[in-house]
Amino acid sequence: MLVLTRKANQSIMIGDEIEVSVLAVMGEKVRIGIEAPRSVPVFRKEVYLEIQQERTAESTNVDRQKVNEALNRLKSNK
């Protein structure tokens, strides 16, 4: 992990297209701004983790459904 110290109104660049700026520091809270191309999704980590959990659950349901369909086809072939 790269650790950088920045003050309000300072930025860092990630590659050529993503800029992360410190907008304000208020006590223990830091307000940041992120400029990125629309094609790059940007989420708070807790939202990202929820999305991943939903994708995993959906994938598991689809896999279960495919297995059940295959089993049903095997049963009907007998």
N, C-alpha and C. Protein backbone atom coordinates (compact mmCIF):
# COMPACT_ATOMS: atom_id res chain seq x y z
N MET A 1 0.85 -1.18 0.00
CA MET A 1 0.00 0.00 0.00
C MET A 1 0.89 1.23 0.00
N LEU A 2 0.61 2.12 -0.90
CA LEU A 2 1.30 3.40 -0.96
C LEU A 2 0.58 4.36 -0.02
N VAL A 3 1.31 5.00 0.88
CA VAL A 3 0.72 5.95 1.82
C VAL A 3 1.28 7.33 1.50
N LEU A 4 0.38 8.28 1.24
CA LEU A 4 0.77 9.64 0.90
C LEU A 4 0.13 10.62 1.88
N THR A 5 0.80 11.70 2.13
CA THR A 5 0.23 12.77 2.95
C THR A 5 -0.14 13.91 2.01
N ARG A 6 -1.38 14.34 2.11
CA ARG A 6 -1.87 15.44 1.29
C ARG A 6 -2.63 16.40 2.18
N LYS A 7 -2.64 17.64 1.81
CA LYS A 7 -3.41 18.66 2.51
C LYS A 7 -4.63 19.01 1.68
N ALA A 8 -5.53 19.79 2.26
CA ALA A 8 -6.70 20.25 1.52
C ALA A 8 -6.24 20.95 0.24
N ASN A 9 -6.98 20.73 -0.82
CA ASN A 9 -6.71 21.30 -2.15
C ASN A 9 -5.50 20.69 -2.85
N GLN A 10 -5.01 19.54 -2.36
CA GLN A 10 -3.94 18.83 -3.04
C GLN A 10 -4.52 17.53 -3.62
N SER A 11 -3.84 17.00 -4.63
CA SER A 11 -4.35 15.83 -5.34
C SER A 11 -3.28 14.78 -5.53
N ILE A 12 -3.73 13.60 -5.93
CA ILE A 12 -2.83 12.56 -6.44
C ILE A 12 -3.43 12.08 -7.75
N MET A 13 -2.59 11.56 -8.62
CA MET A 13 -3.03 11.01 -9.89
C MET A 13 -2.85 9.50 -9.86
N ILE A 14 -3.84 8.79 -10.39
CA ILE A 14 -3.75 7.35 -10.58
C ILE A 14 -3.77 7.15 -12.09
N GLY A 15 -2.67 6.75 -12.63
CA GLY A 15 -2.55 6.68 -14.09
C GLY A 15 -2.68 8.07 -14.67
N ASP A 16 -3.13 8.13 -15.90
CA ASP A 16 -3.26 9.43 -16.59
C ASP A 16 -4.65 10.03 -16.46
N GLU A 17 -5.64 9.24 -15.99
CA GLU A 17 -7.03 9.68 -16.09
C GLU A 17 -7.78 9.81 -14.77
N ILE A 18 -7.19 9.39 -13.68
CA ILE A 18 -7.92 9.42 -12.41
C ILE A 18 -7.21 10.36 -11.44
N GLU A 19 -7.95 11.36 -10.97
CA GLU A 19 -7.41 12.31 -10.02
C GLU A 19 -8.22 12.23 -8.72
N VAL A 20 -7.51 12.07 -7.62
CA VAL A 20 -8.13 12.03 -6.30
C VAL A 20 -7.68 13.29 -5.56
N SER A 21 -8.65 14.13 -5.18
CA SER A 21 -8.34 15.41 -4.53
C SER A 21 -8.86 15.45 -3.11
N VAL A 22 -8.09 16.03 -2.23
CA VAL A 22 -8.56 16.28 -0.86
C VAL A 22 -9.28 17.62 -0.91
N LEU A 23 -10.59 17.59 -0.67
CA LEU A 23 -11.38 18.82 -0.74
C LEU A 23 -11.40 19.56 0.58
N ALA A 24 -11.48 18.79 1.68
CA ALA A 24 -11.53 19.42 3.00
C ALA A 24 -11.16 18.39 4.06
N VAL A 25 -10.63 18.89 5.16
CA VAL A 25 -10.35 18.06 6.33
C VAL A 25 -11.10 18.69 7.49
N MET A 26 -12.00 17.89 8.10
CA MET A 26 -12.82 18.40 9.21
C MET A 26 -12.71 17.42 10.37
N GLY A 27 -11.79 17.68 11.28
CA GLY A 27 -11.59 16.77 12.40
C GLY A 27 -11.08 15.43 11.90
N GLU A 28 -11.84 14.36 12.19
CA GLU A 28 -11.44 13.03 11.75
C GLU A 28 -11.97 12.67 10.36
N LYS A 29 -12.71 13.57 9.75
CA LYS A 29 -13.29 13.29 8.43
C LYS A 29 -12.51 14.01 7.34
N VAL A 30 -12.36 13.32 6.24
CA VAL A 30 -11.69 13.89 5.07
C VAL A 30 -12.68 13.82 3.91
N ARG A 31 -12.88 14.92 3.26
CA ARG A 31 -13.77 14.96 2.10
C ARG A 31 -12.87 14.88 0.87
N ILE A 32 -13.13 13.86 0.02
CA ILE A 32 -12.31 13.68 -1.17
C ILE A 32 -13.18 13.77 -2.42
N GLY A 33 -12.56 14.15 -3.50
CA GLY A 33 -13.22 14.17 -4.79
C GLY A 33 -12.45 13.27 -5.74
N ILE A 34 -13.16 12.57 -6.60
CA ILE A 34 -12.53 11.66 -7.54
C ILE A 34 -13.00 12.00 -8.94
N GLU A 35 -12.06 12.31 -9.80
CA GLU A 35 -12.36 12.54 -11.21
C GLU A 35 -11.85 11.35 -11.98
N ALA A 36 -12.77 10.67 -12.66
CA ALA A 36 -12.40 9.48 -13.43
C ALA A 36 -13.30 9.40 -14.65
N PRO A 37 -12.85 8.71 -15.69
CA PRO A 37 -13.71 8.51 -16.85
C PRO A 37 -14.98 7.77 -16.44
N ARG A 38 -16.07 8.02 -17.14
CA ARG A 38 -17.34 7.35 -16.83
C ARG A 38 -17.23 5.83 -16.91
N SER A 39 -16.29 5.34 -17.69
CA SER A 39 -16.13 3.89 -17.86
C SER A 39 -15.48 3.23 -16.64
N VAL A 40 -14.97 4.03 -15.71
CA VAL A 40 -14.34 3.50 -14.50
C VAL A 40 -15.33 3.61 -13.34
N PRO A 41 -15.83 2.47 -12.83
CA PRO A 41 -16.77 2.55 -11.71
C PRO A 41 -16.05 2.99 -10.44
N VAL A 42 -16.69 3.86 -9.67
CA VAL A 42 -16.13 4.33 -8.40
C VAL A 42 -17.20 4.14 -7.34
N PHE A 43 -16.88 3.36 -6.30
CA PHE A 43 -17.82 3.07 -5.23
C PHE A 43 -17.14 3.24 -3.88
N ARG A 44 -17.94 3.53 -2.86
CA ARG A 44 -17.44 3.40 -1.49
C ARG A 44 -17.21 1.91 -1.28
N LYS A 45 -16.23 1.55 -0.45
CA LYS A 45 -15.89 0.13 -0.31
C LYS A 45 -17.06 -0.70 0.18
N GLU A 46 -17.85 -0.18 1.13
CA GLU A 46 -18.97 -0.98 1.66
C GLU A 46 -20.01 -1.25 0.58
N VAL A 47 -20.21 -0.31 -0.33
CA VAL A 47 -21.14 -0.51 -1.44
C VAL A 47 -20.56 -1.54 -2.42
N TYR A 48 -19.27 -1.42 -2.70
CA TYR A 48 -18.59 -2.36 -3.59
C TYR A 48 -18.71 -3.78 -3.06
N LEU A 49 -18.50 -3.97 -1.76
CA LEU A 49 -18.59 -5.30 -1.17
C LEU A 49 -20.00 -5.86 -1.27
N GLU A 50 -21.01 -5.02 -1.08
CA GLU A 50 -22.40 -5.47 -1.23
C GLU A 50 -22.68 -5.91 -2.67
N ILE A 51 -22.18 -5.15 -3.63
CA ILE A 51 -22.36 -5.51 -5.04
C ILE A 51 -21.72 -6.86 -5.31
N GLN A 52 -20.51 -7.07 -4.79
CA GLN A 52 -19.82 -8.34 -4.99
C GLN A 52 -20.60 -9.50 -4.37
N GLN A 53 -21.15 -9.28 -3.18
CA GLN A 53 -21.94 -10.33 -2.52
C GLN A 53 -23.18 -10.67 -3.36
N GLU A 54 -23.84 -9.65 -3.89
CA GLU A 54 -25.02 -9.88 -4.72
C GLU A 54 -24.65 -10.65 -5.98
N ARG A 55 -23.53 -10.29 -6.59
CA ARG A 55 -23.08 -11.00 -7.80
C ARG A 55 -22.78 -12.46 -7.49
N THR A 56 -22.14 -12.70 -6.35
CA THR A 56 -21.82 -14.07 -5.95
C THR A 56 -23.10 -14.86 -5.72
N ALA A 57 -24.08 -14.25 -5.04
CA ALA A 57 -25.35 -14.92 -4.78
C ALA A 57 -26.08 -15.21 -6.08
N GLU A 58 -26.10 -14.25 -6.99
CA GLU A 58 -26.76 -14.44 -8.29
C GLU A 58 -26.08 -15.56 -9.07
N SER A 59 -24.75 -15.56 -9.05
CA SER A 59 -23.99 -16.59 -9.76
C SER A 59 -24.28 -17.96 -9.17
N THR A 60 -24.35 -18.04 -7.84
CA THR A 60 -24.65 -19.31 -7.18
C THR A 60 -26.04 -19.78 -7.56
N ASN A 61 -27.01 -18.87 -7.59
CA ASN A 61 -28.38 -19.24 -7.97
C ASN A 61 -28.44 -19.73 -9.42
N VAL A 62 -27.72 -19.06 -10.31
CA VAL A 62 -27.70 -19.47 -11.71
C VAL A 62 -27.06 -20.85 -11.84
N ASP A 63 -25.93 -21.06 -11.11
CA ASP A 63 -25.27 -22.36 -11.15
C ASP A 63 -26.19 -23.46 -10.62
N ARG A 64 -26.89 -23.19 -9.52
CA ARG A 64 -27.83 -24.16 -8.96
C ARG A 64 -28.93 -24.49 -9.96
N GLN A 65 -29.42 -23.43 -10.60
CA GLN A 65 -30.49 -23.59 -11.58
C GLN A 65 -30.01 -24.47 -12.75
N LYS A 66 -28.79 -24.24 -13.22
CA LYS A 66 -28.24 -25.04 -14.32
C LYS A 66 -28.08 -26.50 -13.92
N VAL A 67 -27.61 -26.73 -12.69
CA VAL A 67 -27.46 -28.11 -12.20
C VAL A 67 -28.83 -28.78 -12.13
N ASN A 68 -29.82 -28.09 -11.59
CA ASN A 68 -31.17 -28.66 -11.50
C ASN A 68 -31.74 -28.97 -12.88
N GLU A 69 -31.52 -28.08 -13.83
CA GLU A 69 -32.01 -28.32 -15.19
C GLU A 69 -31.33 -29.55 -15.80
N ALA A 70 -30.02 -29.67 -15.58
CA ALA A 70 -29.29 -30.82 -16.10
C ALA A 70 -29.80 -32.11 -15.46
N LEU A 71 -30.03 -32.09 -14.16
CA LEU A 71 -30.56 -33.27 -13.48
C LEU A 71 -31.94 -33.64 -14.01
N ASN A 72 -32.78 -32.64 -14.22
CA ASN A 72 -34.12 -32.91 -14.77
C ASN A 72 -34.04 -33.52 -16.17
N ARG A 73 -33.09 -33.03 -17.00
CA ARG A 73 -32.93 -33.61 -18.34
C ARG A 73 -32.49 -35.06 -18.24
N LEU A 74 -31.56 -35.33 -17.30
CA LEU A 74 -31.10 -36.72 -17.12
C LEU A 74 -32.24 -37.62 -16.67
N LYS A 75 -33.08 -37.12 -15.77
CA LYS A 75 -34.21 -37.92 -15.27
C LYS A 75 -35.22 -38.21 -16.40
N SER A 76 -35.45 -37.22 -17.24
CA SER A 76 -36.44 -37.42 -18.31
C SER A 76 -35.91 -38.30 -19.42
N ASN A 77 -34.60 -38.47 -19.53
CA ASN A 77 -34.00 -39.33 -20.55
C ASN A 77 -34.06 -40.80 -20.15
N LYS A 78 -34.37 -41.10 -18.92
CA LYS A 78 -34.40 -42.49 -18.46
C LYS A 78 -35.66 -43.18 -18.83
